[in-house]
Protein backbone atom coordinates (compact mmCIF):
# COMPACT_ATOMS: atom_id res chain seq x y z
CA MET A 1 0.00 0.00 0.00
CA ASP A 2 1.08 3.62 -0.37
CA GLU A 3 1.42 6.11 2.50
CA PHE A 4 -2.10 7.49 2.05
CA GLU A 5 -3.76 4.07 2.11
CA LEU A 6 -1.74 3.26 5.23
CA ILE A 7 -2.96 6.41 7.02
CA LYS A 8 -6.57 5.85 5.99
CA LYS A 9 -6.63 2.18 6.99
CA TYR A 10 -4.76 2.27 10.28
CA PHE A 11 -4.70 5.77 11.74
CA GLN A 12 -7.55 7.93 10.42
CA LYS A 13 -10.19 6.42 12.70
CA ILE A 14 -8.24 7.05 15.90
CA SER A 15 -8.00 10.78 15.07
CA LYS A 16 -11.76 11.30 14.67
CA ASN A 17 -12.30 12.85 18.13
CA ASN A 18 -9.72 15.51 17.31
CA ASN A 19 -11.16 18.18 15.00
CA GLY A 20 -7.79 19.87 14.57
CA ALA A 21 -6.36 16.74 12.97
CA LYS A 22 -8.76 17.13 9.99
CA GLU A 23 -9.09 13.32 9.80
CA LEU A 24 -5.39 13.26 8.85
CA ASN A 25 -6.33 14.58 5.40
CA GLU A 26 -4.43 17.86 5.67
CA ASP A 27 -0.80 18.90 5.74
CA VAL A 28 -1.25 20.67 9.08
CA PHE A 29 -2.96 20.37 12.45
CA PHE A 30 -5.24 23.35 13.09
CA ASP A 31 -6.80 24.23 16.45
CA ARG A 32 -9.18 27.04 15.53
CA LYS A 33 -9.96 28.07 19.11
CA LYS A 34 -6.31 28.45 20.07
CA GLY A 35 -5.23 29.68 16.64
CA LEU A 36 -2.51 27.02 16.54
CA VAL A 37 -1.15 25.51 13.32
CA VAL A 38 1.44 22.70 13.32
CA SER A 39 3.11 20.58 10.65
CA ILE A 40 5.75 17.86 10.83
CA ASP A 41 7.98 16.31 8.18
CA THR A 42 10.73 13.69 8.11
CA TYR A 43 13.65 13.61 5.66
CA ASN A 44 15.87 10.59 5.07
CA GLU A 45 19.18 10.47 3.22
CA GLY A 46 18.87 8.65 -0.08
CA ILE A 47 15.14 9.36 -0.32
CA HIS A 48 14.47 13.03 0.40
CA PHE A 49 17.99 14.19 -0.42
CA PRO A 50 20.62 12.18 -2.33
CA ASN A 51 23.52 12.48 0.09
CA PHE A 52 25.14 14.67 2.74
CA LYS A 53 27.89 16.10 0.56
CA TYR A 54 26.54 19.64 1.00
CA PRO A 55 25.18 19.91 4.56
CA ASN A 56 24.59 23.64 4.14
CA LEU A 57 22.22 23.00 1.23
CA VAL A 58 20.58 19.90 2.70
CA ILE A 59 19.53 21.76 5.83
CA LYS A 60 18.15 24.66 3.78
CA LYS A 61 16.07 22.28 1.68
CA ILE A 62 14.72 20.64 4.81
CA ILE A 63 13.70 23.91 6.44
CA ARG A 64 12.10 25.37 3.31
CA SER A 65 10.14 22.26 2.46
CA SER A 66 8.95 22.06 6.09
CA ILE A 67 7.65 25.61 6.36
CA SER A 68 6.09 25.30 2.91
CA ASP A 69 3.11 23.43 4.40
CA LEU A 70 2.16 26.40 6.59
CA ILE A 71 2.85 28.97 3.88
CA ALA A 72 0.47 27.16 1.50
CA LYS A 73 -2.24 27.35 4.17
CA GLY A 74 -1.84 31.12 4.51
CA VAL A 75 0.02 30.86 7.81
CA GLU A 76 3.29 32.53 8.72
CA PRO A 77 5.65 29.98 10.31
CA LYS A 78 7.09 31.24 13.60
CA TYR A 79 8.83 28.42 15.45
CA TYR A 80 10.50 25.19 14.42
CA PHE A 81 11.82 22.12 16.20
CA ILE A 82 14.42 19.92 14.54
CA SER A 83 15.46 16.38 15.43
CA ALA A 84 18.59 15.01 13.80
CA CYS A 85 19.78 11.44 13.48
CA GLY A 86 23.36 10.82 12.32
CA CYS A 87 26.83 9.58 13.13
CA LYS A 88 30.18 11.19 13.95
CA LYS A 89 31.44 10.47 10.44
CA LYS A 90 28.76 12.78 9.01
CA PHE A 91 28.09 15.06 11.99
CA THR A 92 31.65 16.35 12.21
CA LYS A 93 32.42 19.62 13.97
CA LYS A 94 32.85 21.25 10.57
CA ASN A 95 29.51 19.98 9.25
CA LEU A 96 27.69 20.92 12.44
CA MET A 97 29.02 24.46 12.19
CA ILE A 98 28.02 24.61 8.52
CA MET A 99 24.48 23.47 9.41
CA SER A 100 24.27 25.95 12.25
CA ASN A 101 25.21 28.83 9.94
CA SER A 102 22.66 27.72 7.35
CA LEU A 103 19.93 27.52 9.97
CA ARG A 104 20.82 31.03 11.10
CA GLN A 105 20.46 32.26 7.52
CA GLU A 106 17.08 30.58 7.08
CA GLN A 107 15.84 31.98 10.38
CA LYS A 108 16.72 35.48 9.26
CA LYS A 109 15.20 35.02 5.81
CA TYR A 110 11.88 33.61 7.03
CA ASN A 111 11.68 35.14 10.53
CA LEU A 112 11.87 31.75 12.26
CA LYS A 113 13.02 30.76 15.73
CA LEU A 114 14.64 27.45 16.64
CA SER A 115 12.72 26.21 19.67
CA GLY A 116 13.89 22.69 20.46
CA GLY A 117 14.51 19.22 19.07
CA ASP A 118 16.48 16.06 19.65
CA THR A 119 19.66 14.34 18.47
CA THR A 120 20.34 10.61 18.15
CA ASN A 121 23.28 8.55 16.95
CA PHE A 122 22.78 6.23 13.97
CA ASN A 123 24.62 5.32 10.77
CA LYS A 124 21.90 6.79 8.51
CA ILE A 125 21.11 10.50 8.39
CA SER A 126 17.56 11.63 9.05
CA PHE A 127 15.88 14.87 10.11
CA SER A 128 12.40 15.56 11.47
CA VAL A 129 11.13 19.13 11.54
CA THR A 130 8.06 20.42 13.36
CA THR A 131 6.87 23.87 12.33
CA VAL A 132 4.48 26.03 14.36
CA GLY A 133 2.45 29.09 13.38
CA PHE A 134 -0.62 30.96 14.58
CA ALA A 135 -3.72 31.87 12.62
CA LYS A 136 -7.47 32.29 13.04
CA ARG A 137 -8.10 30.44 9.78
CA ILE A 138 -6.32 28.38 7.16
CA VAL A 139 -6.94 27.67 3.48
CA GLU A 140 -7.94 24.02 3.56
CA ARG A 141 -8.07 21.17 1.09
CA ASN A 142 -11.40 20.04 -0.35
CA LYS A 143 -12.96 23.51 -0.44
CA SER A 144 -12.65 24.02 -4.20
CA LYS A 145 -15.75 25.14 -6.06
CA LEU A 146 -17.15 24.10 -9.42
CA TYR A 147 -15.54 26.03 -12.31
CA ASP A 148 -12.75 27.44 -10.11
CA ASP A 149 -9.54 28.38 -11.88
CA ILE A 150 -6.50 26.31 -10.90
CA TYR A 151 -3.39 28.39 -10.16
CA ILE A 152 0.28 27.68 -9.49
CA THR A 153 2.86 30.10 -8.11
CA GLY A 154 6.40 30.39 -9.47
CA ASN A 155 7.91 27.87 -11.88
CA ILE A 156 7.72 24.08 -11.96
CA GLY A 157 10.34 21.52 -13.01
CA ASP A 158 13.69 23.10 -12.10
CA SER A 159 14.06 20.97 -8.99
CA PHE A 160 13.63 17.65 -10.77
CA LEU A 161 16.25 18.51 -13.36
CA GLY A 162 18.53 19.59 -10.51
CA LEU A 163 18.07 16.20 -8.85
CA ASN A 164 18.89 14.43 -12.11
CA ILE A 165 22.08 16.48 -12.43
CA ILE A 166 23.09 15.68 -8.85
CA ASN A 167 22.49 11.97 -9.52
CA LYS A 168 24.57 12.26 -12.71
CA LYS A 169 21.63 11.30 -14.92
CA LYS A 170 21.87 14.52 -16.91
CA LYS A 171 24.86 16.43 -18.25
CA ILE A 172 24.68 20.19 -18.65
CA ASN A 173 27.01 23.20 -18.89
CA SER A 174 28.43 24.53 -15.62
CA LYS A 175 26.37 27.73 -15.43
CA LEU A 176 23.02 25.98 -15.87
CA LYS A 177 24.19 23.10 -13.68
CA LYS A 178 24.74 25.48 -10.77
CA TYR A 179 21.32 27.08 -11.33
CA PHE A 180 19.35 23.80 -11.32
CA ILE A 181 21.20 22.31 -8.35
CA LYS A 182 20.44 25.46 -6.37
CA LYS A 183 16.75 25.21 -7.30
CA TYR A 184 16.67 21.64 -6.00
CA TYR A 185 18.20 22.52 -2.64
CA CYS A 186 16.86 26.06 -2.22
CA PRO A 187 13.34 26.36 -3.69
CA ASP A 188 11.93 29.88 -4.01
CA LEU A 189 9.05 29.77 -1.55
CA PRO A 190 6.11 32.08 -2.40
CA HIS A 191 5.97 33.28 1.22
CA LYS A 192 5.02 36.86 0.35
CA ILE A 193 1.50 35.95 -0.72
CA SER A 194 0.86 33.83 2.37
CA LYS A 195 -0.82 36.69 4.23
CA GLU A 196 -3.05 37.48 1.25
CA ILE A 197 -4.09 34.03 0.05
CA HIS A 198 -7.20 33.92 2.27
CA LYS A 199 -8.69 36.74 0.22
CA PHE A 200 -9.04 34.67 -2.94
CA ALA A 201 -8.10 30.97 -2.53
CA ASN A 202 -10.88 28.46 -1.91
CA SER A 203 -8.44 25.60 -1.43
CA SER A 204 -4.65 25.22 -1.46
CA ILE A 205 -1.71 22.84 -1.05
CA ASP A 206 2.04 22.99 -1.63
CA VAL A 207 3.53 21.00 -4.51
CA SER A 208 5.80 18.49 -2.81
CA ASP A 209 4.96 15.06 -4.23
CA GLY A 210 4.14 16.23 -7.75
CA LEU A 211 1.66 18.53 -9.48
CA ILE A 212 -0.90 15.85 -10.40
CA SER A 213 -0.51 13.92 -7.17
CA ASP A 214 -1.02 17.06 -5.08
CA MET A 215 -3.90 18.28 -7.25
CA SER A 216 -5.63 14.95 -6.64
CA LYS A 217 -5.12 15.35 -2.89
CA LEU A 218 -6.48 18.89 -3.02
CA ILE A 219 -9.95 17.68 -4.07
CA ASN A 220 -9.84 14.05 -2.93
CA LYS A 221 -13.06 14.21 -0.89
CA GLN A 222 -15.03 16.40 -3.28
CA ASN A 223 -17.41 15.38 -6.03
CA LEU A 224 -15.32 17.31 -8.56
CA SER A 225 -12.61 16.77 -11.17
CA PHE A 226 -9.74 18.82 -12.58
CA GLU A 227 -8.35 19.59 -16.02
CA ILE A 228 -4.78 20.91 -16.41
CA ASP A 229 -3.16 22.23 -19.59
CA ILE A 230 0.54 21.35 -19.88
CA ASN A 231 1.17 24.31 -22.20
CA LYS A 232 0.07 26.67 -19.41
CA ILE A 233 2.27 25.23 -16.68
CA PRO A 234 5.01 27.85 -16.08
CA ILE A 235 8.67 26.89 -16.39
CA SER A 236 11.82 28.98 -16.03
CA ASN A 237 13.80 30.42 -18.93
CA ALA A 238 16.65 28.13 -17.90
CA LEU A 239 14.46 25.04 -18.26
CA LYS A 240 13.13 26.31 -21.59
CA LEU A 241 16.72 26.65 -22.79
CA TYR A 242 17.59 23.14 -21.58
CA LEU A 243 14.54 21.64 -23.31
CA LYS A 244 15.37 23.44 -26.54
CA LYS A 245 18.96 22.17 -26.54
CA SER A 246 18.21 18.63 -25.35
CA LYS A 247 14.98 18.25 -27.36
CA GLU A 248 13.38 16.61 -24.33
CA LEU A 249 9.69 17.01 -23.50
CA LYS A 250 8.42 19.49 -20.92
CA GLN A 251 6.14 16.92 -19.31
CA LYS A 252 9.13 14.81 -18.32
CA PHE A 253 10.12 17.41 -15.70
CA ILE A 254 7.00 19.15 -14.39
CA PHE A 255 5.15 16.39 -12.52
CA ASN A 256 7.82 15.03 -10.18
CA GLY A 257 7.55 17.21 -7.08
CA ASP A 258 10.00 19.05 -4.83
CA ASP A 259 8.82 22.37 -6.29
CA TYR A 260 7.22 23.75 -3.07
CA GLN A 261 5.06 26.22 -4.93
CA ILE A 262 1.44 26.88 -3.93
CA LEU A 263 -1.25 25.10 -5.94
CA PHE A 264 -4.64 26.71 -5.31
CA THR A 265 -8.10 27.19 -6.75
CA SER A 266 -10.06 30.43 -6.95
CA SER A 267 -13.24 31.81 -8.46
CA LYS A 268 -12.96 33.41 -11.90
CA LYS A 269 -14.20 36.68 -10.41
CA ASN A 270 -10.85 36.97 -8.58
CA ARG A 271 -8.67 36.96 -11.68
CA SER A 272 -7.98 40.72 -11.67
CA MET A 273 -7.24 40.74 -7.94
CA ILE A 274 -4.78 37.86 -8.22
CA LYS A 275 -3.06 39.36 -11.27
CA SER A 276 -2.68 42.69 -9.44
CA LEU A 277 -1.32 41.00 -6.32
CA GLY A 278 1.23 39.08 -8.36
CA LYS A 279 2.53 42.27 -9.95
CA ARG A 280 2.64 44.14 -6.63
CA MET A 281 4.57 41.36 -4.90
CA ASN A 282 6.66 40.41 -7.93
CA GLN A 283 5.27 36.89 -7.61
CA LYS A 284 4.55 34.79 -10.67
CA ILE A 285 1.02 33.33 -10.45
CA THR A 286 -0.38 31.36 -13.41
CA ILE A 287 -3.74 29.82 -14.31
CA ILE A 288 -3.06 26.25 -15.45
CA GLY A 289 -6.52 24.68 -15.56
CA ASN A 290 -9.99 24.52 -14.04
CA ILE A 291 -12.28 22.53 -11.76
CA ASN A 292 -15.07 20.56 -13.44
CA ASN A 293 -18.07 18.38 -12.58
CA SER A 294 -17.42 14.90 -11.27
CA PHE A 295 -18.82 13.25 -14.40
CA LYS A 296 -15.61 14.33 -16.13
CA ASN A 297 -12.47 12.43 -15.26
CA ASN A 298 -9.37 14.17 -13.94
CA SER A 299 -7.30 15.02 -17.00
CA ILE A 300 -4.22 16.71 -18.38
CA LYS A 301 -3.98 17.85 -21.97
CA LEU A 302 -1.31 18.97 -24.38
CA SER A 303 -2.46 21.17 -27.29
CA ASN A 304 -6.04 20.02 -26.55
CA LYS A 305 -5.05 16.35 -26.73
CA PRO A 306 -5.55 14.31 -23.52
CA LEU A 307 -2.58 12.41 -22.10
CA ASN A 308 -2.51 9.30 -19.94
CA LEU A 309 -2.82 10.68 -16.40
CA SER A 310 -1.35 7.56 -14.79
CA LYS A 311 2.09 8.40 -16.23
CA PHE A 312 2.33 11.63 -14.23
CA GLN A 313 1.45 10.63 -10.67
CA GLY A 314 4.59 11.89 -8.92
CA TYR A 315 6.11 10.34 -5.78
CA SER A 316 4.52 8.25 -3.03
CA HIS A 317 6.12 6.14 -0.30
CA LYS A 318 5.27 2.45 -0.67
CA PHE A 319 4.92 0.00 2.21
């Protein structure tokens, strides 16, 4: 079974008396009365990051992907707790100092405060990060409305090409190589719009496991479907250049996750507001599709031709 089947079968029922847990079908815990929002994520070497060659970049990726859950819900992350599992071969004095400096930089960039954690000794490296924020409301999953526009912030696909370069599956010139590797480790979080997203988003999620996978999760309990146009999915100029030179297809790179952009739906009446906000905040926000009736199947299309959705499902842990 995959991770979502596991949660549904074994753990969802025992969370039913806890409204803040949202039946374990959200990325965050939300206690409305106390205004408390919490998320937790675990990252293992060889799965969530290839290796520990660049501890400064690994720790930045971990922090940014962790706070992304709250940002996508319209919540400003305030505190974080980090637990680290490793050995003296990897957690050298030099590497620990490098990680400490990177954490300090991330705290300054995102106004975060380290508030606790744990350390354990083991021969595999793993991190768990708990992020805490405060809000009177969040933008939830499964609140999309019929005929909503589907939006994505930023660009999609740079991270996956970066991972392929790191794993030596793709060769590229040094300038572009540096760019894509940085995008893998240091995603550009759309944190500026977090305070505004309540004004227009009916439902939202961050793109971590893959665009189609996360879109499916966004409406998984609703009697609705989605249609996404590949031609409308925004990619960077660097990725456009790579695709032109390599003659590879766009769809090979844009559905694999690790983008940490906000995927949200909004009423068509909000188009002008969202466009204006994007310009004011210098934040790219693009319409990539729409929400339909349930009698239509979820679909992606390329130049009005439907593609096989099962080929673009992104990442899921299997058990």
